[in-house]
C-alpha atoms as a PDB file:
ATOM      1  CA  MET A   1     193.005 308.328 122.583  1.00  0.00           C
ATOM      2  CA  ALA A   2     193.241 309.219 118.899  1.00  0.00           C
ATOM      3  CA  LEU A   3     192.687 306.641 116.222  1.00  0.00           C
ATOM      4  CA  LYS A   4     195.866 305.537 114.507  1.00  0.00           C
ATOM      5  CA  ASP A   5     196.351 303.945 111.144  1.00  0.00           C
ATOM      6  CA  SER A   6     198.038 300.764 112.301  1.00  0.00           C
ATOM      7  CA  ALA A   7     197.345 297.052 112.540  1.00  0.00           C
ATOM      8  CA  THR A   8     196.887 297.304 116.312  1.00  0.00           C
ATOM      9  CA  SER A   9     195.029 300.607 116.786  1.00  0.00           C
ATOM     10  CA  ARG A  10     191.640 298.960 117.274  1.00  0.00           C
ATOM     11  CA  GLY A  11     193.239 296.510 119.701  1.00  0.00           C
ATOM     12  CA  GLU A  12     194.524 299.483 121.686  1.00  0.00           C
ATOM     13  CA  LEU A  13     191.021 300.924 121.830  1.00  0.00           C
ATOM     14  CA  VAL A  14     189.632 297.596 123.032  1.00  0.00           C
ATOM     15  CA  ALA A  15     192.262 297.496 125.776  1.00  0.00           C
ATOM     16  CA  ALA A  16     191.551 301.108 126.761  1.00  0.00           C
ATOM     17  CA  LEU A  17     187.815 300.504 127.098  1.00  0.00           C
ATOM     18  CA  LEU A  18     188.146 297.226 129.000  1.00  0.00           C
ATOM     19  CA  ALA A  19     190.797 298.509 131.420  1.00  0.00           C
ATOM     20  CA  GLY A  20     189.303 298.197 134.899  1.00  0.00           C
ATOM     21  CA  SER A  21     185.897 297.271 133.426  1.00  0.00           C
ATOM     22  CA  TRP A  22     185.500 294.428 135.959  1.00  0.00           C
ATOM     23  CA  ARG A  23     185.625 296.778 138.960  1.00  0.00           C
ATOM     24  CA  GLN A  24     182.614 297.979 140.915  1.00  0.00           C
ATOM     25  CA  PRO A  25     182.160 300.743 140.006  1.00  0.00           C
ATOM     26  CA  PRO A  26     184.468 301.060 136.973  1.00  0.00           C
ATOM     27  CA  ASP A  27     186.194 304.332 136.140  1.00  0.00           C
ATOM     28  CA  GLU A  28     184.627 306.550 133.527  1.00  0.00           C
ATOM     29  CA  THR A  29     186.078 306.042 130.047  1.00  0.00           C
ATOM     30  CA  SER A  30     187.361 308.826 127.808  1.00  0.00           C
ATOM     31  CA  LEU A  31     186.685 307.045 124.509  1.00  0.00           C
ATOM     32  CA  SER A  32     184.701 308.979 121.923  1.00  0.00           C
ATOM     33  CA  ALA A  33     181.588 307.791 120.112  1.00  0.00           C
ATOM     34  CA  THR A  34     183.653 307.361 116.945  1.00  0.00           C
ATOM     35  CA  GLU A  35     186.159 305.166 118.733  1.00  0.00           C
ATOM     36  CA  LEU A  36     183.398 303.109 120.321  1.00  0.00           C
ATOM     37  CA  LEU A  37     181.780 302.632 116.913  1.00  0.00           C
ATOM     38  CA  ASN A  38     185.104 301.324 115.619  1.00  0.00           C
ATOM     39  CA  ILE A  39     185.354 298.528 118.187  1.00  0.00           C
ATOM     40  CA  THR A  40     181.794 297.588 119.155  1.00  0.00           C
ATOM     41  CA  PRO A  41     181.656 294.615 116.716  1.00  0.00           C
ATOM     42  CA  LEU A  42     184.952 293.330 118.134  1.00  0.00           C
ATOM     43  CA  LEU A  43     183.660 293.588 121.690  1.00  0.00           C
ATOM     44  CA  LEU A  44     180.465 291.726 120.876  1.00  0.00           C
ATOM     45  CA  GLU A  45     182.166 288.956 118.870  1.00  0.00           C
ATOM     46  CA  SER A  46     184.802 288.302 121.526  1.00  0.00           C
ATOM     47  CA  GLY A  47     182.337 288.087 124.420  1.00  0.00           C
ATOM     48  CA  ALA A  48     183.471 291.364 126.002  1.00  0.00           C
ATOM     49  CA  GLY A  49     180.333 293.324 125.152  1.00  0.00           C
ATOM     50  CA  ALA A  50     178.860 293.081 128.646  1.00  0.00           C
ATOM     51  CA  LEU A  51     182.076 294.278 130.255  1.00  0.00           C
ATOM     52  CA  ALA A  52     182.160 297.188 127.823  1.00  0.00           C
ATOM     53  CA  TRP A  53     178.588 298.073 128.837  1.00  0.00           C
ATOM     54  CA  HIS A  54     179.616 297.949 132.503  1.00  0.00           C
ATOM     55  CA  ARG A  55     182.418 300.407 131.766  1.00  0.00           C
ATOM     56  CA  LEU A  56     180.063 302.759 129.897  1.00  0.00           C
ATOM     57  CA  ARG A  57     177.494 302.959 132.674  1.00  0.00           C
ATOM     58  CA  ASN A  58     179.106 306.099 134.118  1.00  0.00           C
ATOM     59  CA  SER A  59     179.944 307.616 130.735  1.00  0.00           C
ATOM     60  CA  PRO A  60     178.081 310.111 128.533  1.00  0.00           C
ATOM     61  CA  LEU A  61     178.155 307.349 125.893  1.00  0.00           C
ATOM     62  CA  VAL A  62     175.615 305.376 127.941  1.00  0.00           C
ATOM     63  CA  THR A  63     172.770 307.024 126.013  1.00  0.00           C
ATOM     64  CA  THR A  64     174.059 306.084 122.548  1.00  0.00           C
ATOM     65  CA  PRO A  65     172.593 303.269 120.391  1.00  0.00           C
ATOM     66  CA  LEU A  66     175.959 301.494 120.602  1.00  0.00           C
ATOM     67  CA  ALA A  67     175.719 301.345 124.385  1.00  0.00           C
ATOM     68  CA  ALA A  68     172.211 299.938 124.067  1.00  0.00           C
ATOM     69  CA  GLU A  69     173.591 297.188 121.839  1.00  0.00           C
ATOM     70  CA  LEU A  70     176.230 296.352 124.431  1.00  0.00           C
ATOM     71  CA  GLN A  71     173.591 296.390 127.153  1.00  0.00           C
ATOM     72  CA  GLN A  72     171.623 293.811 125.221  1.00  0.00           C
ATOM     73  CA  ALA A  73     174.714 291.564 125.290  1.00  0.00           C
ATOM     74  CA  TYR A  74     174.852 291.992 129.069  1.00  0.00           C
ATOM     75  CA  ARG A  75     171.185 291.031 129.438  1.00  0.00           C
ATOM     76  CA  LEU A  76     171.652 287.989 127.226  1.00  0.00           C
ATOM     77  CA  HIS A  77     174.712 286.841 129.188  1.00  0.00           C
ATOM     78  CA  ALA A  78     172.828 287.250 132.470  1.00  0.00           C
ATOM     79  CA  ILE A  79     170.070 284.962 131.187  1.00  0.00           C
ATOM     80  CA  GLN A  80     172.618 282.477 129.873  1.00  0.00           C
ATOM     81  CA  ALA A  81     174.414 282.489 133.227  1.00  0.00           C
ATOM     82  CA  ALA A  82     171.229 281.352 134.975  1.00  0.00           C
ATOM     83  CA  VAL A  83     170.816 278.538 132.428  1.00  0.00           C
ATOM     84  CA  HIS A  84     174.455 277.479 132.826  1.00  0.00           C
ATOM     85  CA  GLU A  85     174.152 277.387 136.610  1.00  0.00           C
ATOM     86  CA  SER A  86     171.106 275.153 136.348  1.00  0.00           C
ATOM     87  CA  ASN A  87     173.021 272.859 133.974  1.00  0.00           C
ATOM     88  CA  ILE A  88     176.009 272.752 136.307  1.00  0.00           C
ATOM     89  CA  LYS A  89     173.865 271.635 139.235  1.00  0.00           C
ATOM     90  CA  GLN A  90     172.243 268.892 137.169  1.00  0.00           C
ATOM     91  CA  VAL A  91     175.571 267.647 135.801  1.00  0.00           C
ATOM     92  CA  LEU A  92     177.118 267.536 139.267  1.00  0.00           C
ATOM     93  CA  GLN A  93     174.173 265.542 140.580  1.00  0.00           C
ATOM     94  CA  LEU A  94     174.444 263.180 137.619  1.00  0.00           C
ATOM     95  CA  LEU A  95     178.161 262.532 138.104  1.00  0.00           C
ATOM     96  CA  ARG A  96     177.983 262.242 141.874  1.00  0.00           C
ATOM     97  CA  SER A  97     175.224 259.675 141.453  1.00  0.00           C
ATOM     98  CA  ALA A  98     177.810 257.719 139.444  1.00  0.00           C
ATOM     99  CA  ALA A  99     180.330 258.095 142.313  1.00  0.00           C
ATOM    100  CA  VAL A 100     182.412 260.667 140.412  1.00  0.00           C
ATOM    101  CA  GLU A 101     183.542 263.884 142.068  1.00  0.00           C
ATOM    102  CA  PRO A 102     184.491 266.415 139.359  1.00  0.00           C
ATOM    103  CA  LEU A 103     186.543 269.590 139.500  1.00  0.00           C
ATOM    104  CA  LEU A 104     185.040 272.534 137.634  1.00  0.00           C
ATOM    105  CA  VAL A 105     187.570 274.853 135.961  1.00  0.00           C
ATOM    106  CA  LYS A 106     187.237 278.112 134.031  1.00  0.00           C
ATOM    107  CA  GLY A 107     183.655 279.119 133.156  1.00  0.00           C
ATOM    108  CA  TRP A 108     181.580 279.502 136.309  1.00  0.00           C
ATOM    109  CA  ALA A 109     184.695 279.201 138.479  1.00  0.00           C
ATOM    110  CA  ILE A 110     185.977 282.579 137.226  1.00  0.00           C
ATOM    111  CA  ALA A 111     182.637 284.172 136.244  1.00  0.00           C
ATOM    112  CA  ARG A 112     181.516 284.015 139.874  1.00  0.00           C
ATOM    113  CA  VAL A 113     184.344 286.385 140.852  1.00  0.00           C
ATOM    114  CA  TYR A 114     183.028 289.193 138.661  1.00  0.00           C
ATOM    115  CA  PRO A 115     180.693 291.680 140.409  1.00  0.00           C
ATOM    116  CA  GLU A 116     177.680 290.614 138.303  1.00  0.00           C
ATOM    117  CA  SER A 117     176.820 287.275 136.716  1.00  0.00           C
ATOM    118  CA  GLY A 118     176.140 288.744 133.267  1.00  0.00           C
ATOM    119  CA  LEU A 119     179.584 290.288 132.849  1.00  0.00           C
ATOM    120  CA  ARG A 120     181.509 287.119 132.004  1.00  0.00           C
ATOM    121  CA  PRO A 121     179.872 284.809 129.427  1.00  0.00           C
ATOM    122  CA  TYR A 122     180.935 281.187 129.097  1.00  0.00           C
ATOM    123  CA  GLY A 123     179.728 278.163 127.175  1.00  0.00           C
ATOM    124  CA  ASP A 124     181.047 274.679 127.919  1.00  0.00           C
ATOM    125  CA  ILE A 125     181.155 273.253 131.425  1.00  0.00           C
ATOM    126  CA  ASP A 126     184.813 272.233 131.821  1.00  0.00           C
ATOM    127  CA  LEU A 127     185.052 269.340 134.258  1.00  0.00           C
ATOM    128  CA  CYS A 128     188.136 267.395 135.318  1.00  0.00           C
ATOM    129  CA  VAL A 129     187.777 263.952 136.880  1.00  0.00           C
ATOM    130  CA  TYR A 130     190.161 261.469 138.436  1.00  0.00           C
ATOM    131  CA  PRO A 131     191.742 259.533 135.533  1.00  0.00           C
ATOM    132  CA  THR A 132     190.312 256.177 136.606  1.00  0.00           C
ATOM    133  CA  ASP A 133     186.827 257.760 136.844  1.00  0.00           C
ATOM    134  CA  TYR A 134     186.920 259.145 133.303  1.00  0.00           C
ATOM    135  CA  VAL A 135     185.170 256.246 131.547  1.00  0.00           C
ATOM    136  CA  ARG A 136     182.437 256.076 134.185  1.00  0.00           C
ATOM    137  CA  ALA A 137     181.922 259.842 133.985  1.00  0.00           C
ATOM    138  CA  ARG A 138     181.766 259.788 130.194  1.00  0.00           C
ATOM    139  CA  GLU A 139     179.203 256.973 130.230  1.00  0.00           C
ATOM    140  CA  ALA A 140     177.054 258.855 132.737  1.00  0.00           C
ATOM    141  CA  LEU A 141     177.080 261.916 130.497  1.00  0.00           C
ATOM    142  CA  LEU A 142     176.329 259.849 127.398  1.00  0.00           C
ATOM    143  CA  ASP A 143     173.324 258.340 129.149  1.00  0.00           C
ATOM    144  CA  ALA A 144     172.041 261.890 129.637  1.00  0.00           C
ATOM    145  CA  GLY A 145     172.170 262.525 125.892  1.00  0.00           C
ATOM    146  CA  ASP A 146     173.206 265.926 124.561  1.00  0.00           C
ATOM    147  CA  ARG A 147     171.459 267.951 127.228  1.00  0.00           C
ATOM    148  CA  PHE A 148     174.591 269.423 128.757  1.00  0.00           C
ATOM    149  CA  PRO A 149     177.577 271.136 127.064  1.00  0.00           C
ATOM    150  CA  VAL A 150     180.304 269.386 129.044  1.00  0.00           C
ATOM    151  CA  ASP A 151     183.981 269.337 128.131  1.00  0.00           C
ATOM    152  CA  LEU A 152     185.274 266.367 130.132  1.00  0.00           C
ATOM    153  CA  HIS A 153     188.990 266.052 130.948  1.00  0.00           C
ATOM    154  CA  LYS A 154     190.869 262.985 132.159  1.00  0.00           C
ATOM    155  CA  GLY A 155     192.717 264.456 135.100  1.00  0.00           C
ATOM    156  CA  THR A 156     193.515 268.004 134.086  1.00  0.00           C
ATOM    157  CA  GLY A 157     194.337 266.891 130.538  1.00  0.00           C
ATOM    158  CA  SER A 158     196.311 269.629 128.810  1.00  0.00           C
ATOM    159  CA  LEU A 159     195.086 272.313 131.206  1.00  0.00           C
ATOM    160  CA  ASP A 160     197.901 271.945 133.732  1.00  0.00           C
ATOM    161  CA  TYR A 161     201.133 270.138 134.468  1.00  0.00           C
ATOM    162  CA  HIS A 162     200.556 269.454 138.157  1.00  0.00           C
ATOM    163  CA  ASP A 163     199.709 266.129 139.784  1.00  0.00           C
ATOM    164  CA  TRP A 164     195.968 265.434 140.090  1.00  0.00           C
ATOM    165  CA  ASP A 165     196.159 264.356 143.742  1.00  0.00           C
ATOM    166  CA  GLU A 166     197.990 267.561 144.629  1.00  0.00           C
ATOM    167  CA  LEU A 167     195.406 269.720 142.886  1.00  0.00           C
ATOM    168  CA  PHE A 168     192.442 267.831 144.330  1.00  0.00           C
ATOM    169  CA  SER A 169     193.805 268.028 147.877  1.00  0.00           C
ATOM    170  CA  ARG A 170     193.885 271.819 147.610  1.00  0.00           C
ATOM    171  CA  SER A 171     190.507 272.145 145.893  1.00  0.00           C
ATOM    172  CA  GLN A 172     187.567 273.962 147.471  1.00  0.00           C
ATOM    173  CA  LEU A 173     183.819 273.381 147.694  1.00  0.00           C
ATOM    174  CA  LEU A 174     181.824 276.515 146.917  1.00  0.00           C
ATOM    175  CA  PRO A 175     178.062 276.986 147.234  1.00  0.00           C
ATOM    176  CA  LEU A 176     175.817 277.308 144.193  1.00  0.00           C
ATOM    177  CA  ASP A 177     172.308 277.712 145.593  1.00  0.00           C
ATOM    178  CA  GLU A 178     171.579 274.404 147.330  1.00  0.00           C
ATOM    179  CA  ALA A 179     174.455 272.606 145.582  1.00  0.00           C
ATOM    180  CA  SER A 180     178.211 272.664 146.101  1.00  0.00           C
ATOM    181  CA  VAL A 181     180.771 273.001 143.327  1.00  0.00           C
ATOM    182  CA  ARG A 182     184.341 271.780 143.659  1.00  0.00           C
ATOM    183  CA  VAL A 183     186.846 274.187 142.113  1.00  0.00           C
ATOM    184  CA  LEU A 184     190.599 274.546 142.075  1.00  0.00           C
ATOM    185  CA  ALA A 185     192.356 276.529 144.763  1.00  0.00           C
ATOM    186  CA  PRO A 186     192.793 280.180 143.679  1.00  0.00           C
ATOM    187  CA  GLU A 187     196.536 279.664 143.173  1.00  0.00           C
ATOM    188  CA  ASP A 188     196.006 276.659 140.906  1.00  0.00           C
ATOM    189  CA  HIS A 189     193.132 278.250 139.027  1.00  0.00           C
ATOM    190  CA  LEU A 190     195.100 281.400 138.208  1.00  0.00           C
ATOM    191  CA  ARG A 191     197.884 279.228 136.782  1.00  0.00           C
ATOM    192  CA  VAL A 192     195.427 277.164 134.718  1.00  0.00           C
ATOM    193  CA  LEU A 193     193.826 280.342 133.372  1.00  0.00           C
ATOM    194  CA  CYS A 194     197.250 281.690 132.385  1.00  0.00           C
ATOM    195  CA  PHE A 195     198.237 278.481 130.592  1.00  0.00           C
ATOM    196  CA  HIS A 196     194.908 278.234 128.797  1.00  0.00           C
ATOM    197  CA  LEU A 197     195.121 281.845 127.678  1.00  0.00           C
ATOM    198  CA  LEU A 198     198.644 281.386 126.310  1.00  0.00           C
ATOM    199  CA  ARG A 199     197.781 278.197 124.412  1.00  0.00           C
ATOM    200  CA  HIS A 200     195.086 280.162 122.609  1.00  0.00           C
ATOM    201  CA  GLY A 201     197.399 283.057 121.850  1.00  0.00           C
ATOM    202  CA  ILE A 202     195.582 285.526 124.171  1.00  0.00           C
ATOM    203  CA  GLU A 203     193.217 286.079 121.256  1.00  0.00           C
ATOM    204  CA  ARG A 204     190.263 287.159 123.396  1.00  0.00           C
ATOM    205  CA  PRO A 205     190.563 290.212 125.671  1.00  0.00           C
ATOM    206  CA  ILE A 206     188.102 288.768 128.167  1.00  0.00           C
ATOM    207  CA  GLY A 207     190.618 286.041 128.962  1.00  0.00           C
ATOM    208  CA  LEU A 208     193.109 288.651 130.131  1.00  0.00           C
ATOM    209  CA  CYS A 209     190.309 290.330 132.097  1.00  0.00           C
ATOM    210  CA  ASP A 210     189.924 286.975 133.904  1.00  0.00           C
ATOM    211  CA  ILE A 211     193.557 287.205 134.969  1.00  0.00           C
ATOM    212  CA  ALA A 212     193.051 290.764 136.194  1.00  0.00           C
ATOM    213  CA  VAL A 213     189.956 289.731 138.174  1.00  0.00           C
ATOM    214  CA  GLY A 214     191.805 286.778 139.681  1.00  0.00           C
ATOM    215  CA  LEU A 215     194.700 288.999 140.702  1.00  0.00           C
ATOM    216  CA  GLU A 216     192.606 291.756 142.229  1.00  0.00           C
ATOM    217  CA  SER A 217     190.328 289.349 144.113  1.00  0.00           C
ATOM    218  CA  ARG A 218     193.050 287.178 145.629  1.00  0.00           C
ATOM    219  CA  SER A 219     193.235 286.932 149.395  1.00  0.00           C
ATOM    220  CA  ALA A 220     196.075 288.131 151.603  1.00  0.00           C
ATOM    221  CA  ASP A 221     197.271 284.547 152.125  1.00  0.00           C
ATOM    222  CA  PHE A 222     197.518 283.783 148.381  1.00  0.00           C
ATOM    223  CA  ASP A 223     200.495 281.410 148.045  1.00  0.00           C
ATOM    224  CA  TRP A 224     202.566 282.416 145.020  1.00  0.00           C
ATOM    225  CA  SER A 225     204.857 279.400 145.384  1.00  0.00           C
ATOM    226  CA  LYS A 226     201.869 277.120 144.704  1.00  0.00           C
ATOM    227  CA  CYS A 227     200.727 279.252 141.782  1.00  0.00           C
ATOM    228  CA  LEU A 228     204.083 279.534 140.017  1.00  0.00           C
ATOM    229  CA  GLY A 229     204.933 275.862 140.404  1.00  0.00           C
ATOM    230  CA  LYS A 230     208.310 274.189 140.378  1.00  0.00           C
ATOM    231  CA  THR A 231     209.716 275.089 136.967  1.00  0.00           C
ATOM    232  CA  LYS A 232     211.202 278.448 136.050  1.00  0.00           C
ATOM    233  CA  LYS A 233     209.793 278.274 132.529  1.00  0.00           C
ATOM    234  CA  HIS A 234     206.201 277.961 133.696  1.00  0.00           C
ATOM    235  CA  ALA A 235     206.736 280.647 136.309  1.00  0.00           C
ATOM    236  CA  ASP A 236     208.013 282.933 133.533  1.00  0.00           C
ATOM    237  CA  TRP A 237     204.918 282.166 131.441  1.00  0.00           C
ATOM    238  CA  ILE A 238     202.664 283.168 134.337  1.00  0.00           C
ATOM    239  CA  SER A 239     204.740 286.280 134.992  1.00  0.00           C
ATOM    240  CA  CYS A 240     204.373 287.239 131.338  1.00  0.00           C
ATOM    241  CA  VAL A 241     200.566 287.032 131.480  1.00  0.00           C
ATOM    242  CA  ILE A 242     200.440 289.006 134.723  1.00  0.00           C
ATOM    243  CA  GLY A 243     202.640 291.668 133.147  1.00  0.00           C
ATOM    244  CA  LEU A 244     200.295 291.900 130.167  1.00  0.00           C
ATOM    245  CA  ALA A 245     197.265 292.251 132.435  1.00  0.00           C
ATOM    246  CA  ARG A 246     198.951 295.178 134.155  1.00  0.00           C
ATOM    247  CA  GLN A 247     200.323 296.783 131.000  1.00  0.00           C
ATOM    248  CA  LEU A 248     197.273 296.459 128.731  1.00  0.00           C
ATOM    249  CA  LEU A 249     194.359 296.485 131.190  1.00  0.00           C
ATOM    250  CA  GLY A 250     195.734 298.354 134.172  1.00  0.00           C
ATOM    251  CA  ALA A 251     195.336 295.412 136.548  1.00  0.00           C
ATOM    252  CA  ASP A 252     196.321 296.198 140.123  1.00  0.00           C
ATOM    253  CA  ILE A 253     198.693 293.346 140.883  1.00  0.00           C
ATOM    254  CA  GLY A 254     199.565 294.538 144.368  1.00  0.00           C
ATOM    255  CA  GLU A 255     202.680 293.146 145.999  1.00  0.00           C
ATOM    256  CA  ILE A 256     204.193 290.073 144.409  1.00  0.00           C
ATOM    257  CA  PRO A 257     207.257 288.205 145.696  1.00  0.00           C
ATOM    258  CA  PHE A 258     209.005 287.928 142.333  1.00  0.00           C
ATOM    259  CA  PRO A 259     210.326 290.365 139.744  1.00  0.00           C
ATOM    260  CA  LEU A 260     207.941 291.428 137.026  1.00  0.00           C
ATOM    261  CA  LYS A 261     209.142 292.996 133.807  1.00  0.00           C
ATOM    262  CA  ASP A 262     208.020 296.581 133.432  1.00  0.00           C
ATOM    263  CA  HIS A 263     207.789 296.118 129.675  1.00  0.00           C
ATOM    264  CA  GLN A 264     207.042 292.953 127.746  1.00  0.00           C
ATOM    265  CA  PRO A 265     209.066 292.089 124.638  1.00  0.00           C
ATOM    266  CA  PRO A 266     207.447 294.212 121.904  1.00  0.00           C
ATOM    267  CA  TRP A 267     206.415 291.207 119.808  1.00  0.00           C
ATOM    268  CA  ILE A 268     204.134 289.926 122.603  1.00  0.00           C
ATOM    269  CA  VAL A 269     202.186 293.159 122.900  1.00  0.00           C
ATOM    270  CA  ARG A 270     201.971 293.515 119.116  1.00  0.00           C
ATOM    271  CA  THR A 271     200.653 289.969 118.777  1.00  0.00           C
ATOM    272  CA  VAL A 272     197.971 290.463 121.427  1.00  0.00           C
ATOM    273  CA  LEU A 273     196.784 293.837 120.130  1.00  0.00           C
ATOM    274  CA  LYS A 274     196.707 292.517 116.564  1.00  0.00           C
ATOM    275  CA  ALA A 275     194.467 289.620 117.680  1.00  0.00           C
ATOM    276  CA  TRP A 276     192.178 292.017 119.529  1.00  0.00           C
ATOM    277  CA  SER A 277     191.945 294.288 116.480  1.00  0.00           C
ATOM    278  CA  GLN A 278     190.621 291.526 114.220  1.00  0.00           C
ATOM    279  CA  SER A 279     187.175 290.005 113.961  1.00  0.00           C
ATOM    280  CA  PHE A 280     187.024 287.115 116.399  1.00  0.00           C
ATOM    281  CA  ALA A 281     185.107 285.100 113.795  1.00  0.00           C
ATOM    282  CA  SER A 282     188.218 285.201 111.578  1.00  0.00           C
ATOM    283  CA  HIS A 283     190.025 283.031 114.139  1.00  0.00           C
ATOM    284  CA  PHE A 284     187.700 280.179 113.222  1.00  0.00           C
ATOM    285  CA  THR A 285     188.037 280.167 109.454  1.00  0.00           C
ATOM    286  CA  GLN A 286     186.955 276.730 108.277  1.00  0.00           C
ATOM    287  CA  HIS A 287     189.528 274.524 106.560  1.00  0.00           C
ATOM    288  CA  ALA A 288     189.348 270.925 105.455  1.00  0.00           C
ATOM    289  CA  PRO A 289     190.591 268.424 108.082  1.00  0.00           C
ATOM    290  CA  MET A 290     194.280 267.586 107.715  1.00  0.00           C
ATOM    291  CA  ASP A 291     193.557 263.951 106.852  1.00  0.00           C
ATOM    292  CA  PHE A 292     191.815 265.256 103.718  1.00  0.00           C
ATOM    293  CA  TYR A 293     195.224 266.199 102.339  1.00  0.00           C
ATOM    294  CA  ALA A 294     196.527 262.644 102.691  1.00  0.00           C
ATOM    295  CA  HIS A 295     194.607 261.981  99.451  1.00  0.00           C
ATOM    296  CA  HIS A 296     194.803 265.541  98.081  1.00  0.00           C
ATOM    297  CA  PRO A 297     198.439 266.550  98.699  1.00  0.00           C
ATOM    298  CA  ARG A 298     198.275 269.416  96.215  1.00  0.00           C
ATOM    299  CA  GLY A 299     196.580 271.636  98.812  1.00  0.00           C
ATOM    300  CA  LEU A 300     198.799 270.632 101.739  1.00  0.00           C
ATOM    301  CA  VAL A 301     201.089 273.665 101.547  1.00  0.00           C
ATOM    302  CA  GLN A 302     198.136 276.062 101.630  1.00  0.00           C
ATOM    303  CA  ALA A 303     196.597 274.090 104.507  1.00  0.00           C
ATOM    304  CA  LEU A 304     199.779 274.358 106.552  1.00  0.00           C
ATOM    305  CA  ALA A 305     200.063 278.067 105.794  1.00  0.00           C
ATOM    306  CA  ALA A 306     196.489 278.585 106.994  1.00  0.00           C
ATOM    307  CA  ARG A 307     197.431 276.869 110.243  1.00  0.00           C
ATOM    308  CA  TRP A 308     200.575 278.940 110.796  1.00  0.00           C
ATOM    309  CA  PRO A 309     200.702 279.555 114.570  1.00  0.00           C
ATOM    310  CA  THR A 310     200.894 282.993 116.100  1.00  0.00           C
ATOM    311  CA  PRO A 311     204.148 283.859 117.893  1.00  0.00           C
ATOM    312  CA  ILE A 312     202.537 283.169 121.289  1.00  0.00           C
ATOM    313  CA  VAL A 313     200.978 279.841 120.277  1.00  0.00           C
ATOM    314  CA  GLY A 314     204.218 278.748 118.641  1.00  0.00           C
ATOM    315  CA  THR A 315     206.280 279.618 121.695  1.00  0.00           C
ATOM    316  CA  VAL A 316     204.033 277.736 124.110  1.00  0.00           C
ATOM    317  CA  GLY A 317     203.599 274.852 121.674  1.00  0.00           C
ATOM    318  CA  VAL A 318     207.317 274.012 121.773  1.00  0.00           C
ATOM    319  CA  GLY A 319     207.835 274.984 125.415  1.00  0.00           C
ATOM    320  CA  GLY A 320     209.810 278.114 124.559  1.00  0.00           C
ATOM    321  CA  SER A 321     210.625 281.245 126.514  1.00  0.00           C
ATOM    322  CA  PHE A 322     209.071 284.677 126.212  1.00  0.00           C
ATOM    323  CA  ASN A 323     212.130 286.736 125.428  1.00  0.00           C
ATOM    324  CA  ARG A 324     213.254 289.159 122.718  1.00  0.00           C
ATOM    325  CA  LEU A 325     214.585 286.507 120.341  1.00  0.00           C
ATOM    326  CA  PRO A 326     212.859 286.083 116.929  1.00  0.00           C
ATOM    327  CA  ARG A 327     209.712 283.944 117.014  1.00  0.00           C
ATOM    328  CA  PHE A 328     210.006 282.330 113.582  1.00  0.00           C
ATOM    329  CA  PRO A 329     211.967 279.276 114.848  1.00  0.00           C
ATOM    330  CA  TYR A 330     209.318 278.633 117.505  1.00  0.00           C
ATOM    331  CA  GLN A 331     206.459 278.990 115.037  1.00  0.00           C
ATOM    332  CA  LEU A 332     208.153 276.724 112.501  1.00  0.00           C
ATOM    333  CA  GLY A 333     209.017 274.209 115.198  1.00  0.00           C
ATOM    334  CA  TYR A 334     205.440 274.027 116.431  1.00  0.00           C
ATOM    335  CA  LEU A 335     204.117 273.615 112.887  1.00  0.00           C
ATOM    336  CA  LEU A 336     206.566 270.759 112.359  1.00  0.00           C
ATOM    337  CA  VAL A 337     205.484 269.135 115.621  1.00  0.00           C
ATOM    338  CA  ARG A 338     201.852 269.293 114.546  1.00  0.00           C
ATOM    339  CA  SER A 339     202.744 267.961 111.100  1.00  0.00           C
ATOM    340  CA  LEU A 340     204.589 264.981 112.582  1.00  0.00           C
ATOM    341  CA  ARG A 341     201.604 264.188 114.791  1.00  0.00           C
ATOM    342  CA  PHE A 342     199.392 264.266 111.722  1.00  0.00           C
ATOM    343  CA  ILE A 343     201.726 261.967 109.794  1.00  0.00           C
ATOM    344  CA  LYS A 344     201.707 259.446 112.664  1.00  0.00           C
ATOM    345  CA  GLN A 345     197.923 259.504 112.783  1.00  0.00           C
ATOM    346  CA  VAL A 346     197.455 258.758 109.082  1.00  0.00           C
ATOM    347  CA  SER A 347     200.356 256.320 108.684  1.00  0.00           C
END
């Protein structure tokens, strides 16, 4: 693949290197040392460095200093995974002692599907609890101090639109050493991963790798009707993400009982590749909190401009459809929605 002078060329290189990187063993890559040099910082910042190392293991590039840097990321993530697993077991024991049975989503729940524990880094422990157990769970965690990086959700919070009882009834208990971890059913977890990825604009390539891993590891009895849900809009959102995983990362989706677009609307692919071509740190540029501008209105316009949503975030934010229509109305609509929420909070 030759380097191109475009806003998405580095994103294309990232996609090319990560394609099939989760497989055991991965295919050999054809990227050159120059191309690898161009994207190594992006891979490391976005958390995909270990997967890149896994892909390079069978490549002549494995002996280069860049590969050694990626290997260091893999070693670090493997150590962190052991720490996270220890934390998960302690948190589960803590909550169960308080008569709370949590559901673990994302993080370990998807990292465990990768062929090696160091390939998929994660930070917070995302736990969902029955809504009436939320206060008791929060108090139990507060009593433990700041020892554990837990992101606690009342029900599924904004992660999903399905009924808690329905999700819990389909959940599974999986072993983690001597402990057991309750996770969503594969169908529900794939949907949650898709929604979470879209809400964040598919800004990290490893999130789309999660979708590919989930697709390629699903069992023969995977129930697509449970995954897609009851609304056409949400089913279309999931279909869009699956299509991107196939188009950008070469995911083997196998047989699916619904039509999948061979080509995504061009703006979706452009948006994703542009995000992957930029420093991940730039996504977290610090701005003053919005309530600051209640007393300093002169900077409000600049603050809103800095928070201008990407086409994907804007579309999901207003419950739109992923079609070929212009995205500006969706982006403007989502910005207005956020502005109205802010006004209500400060009024």
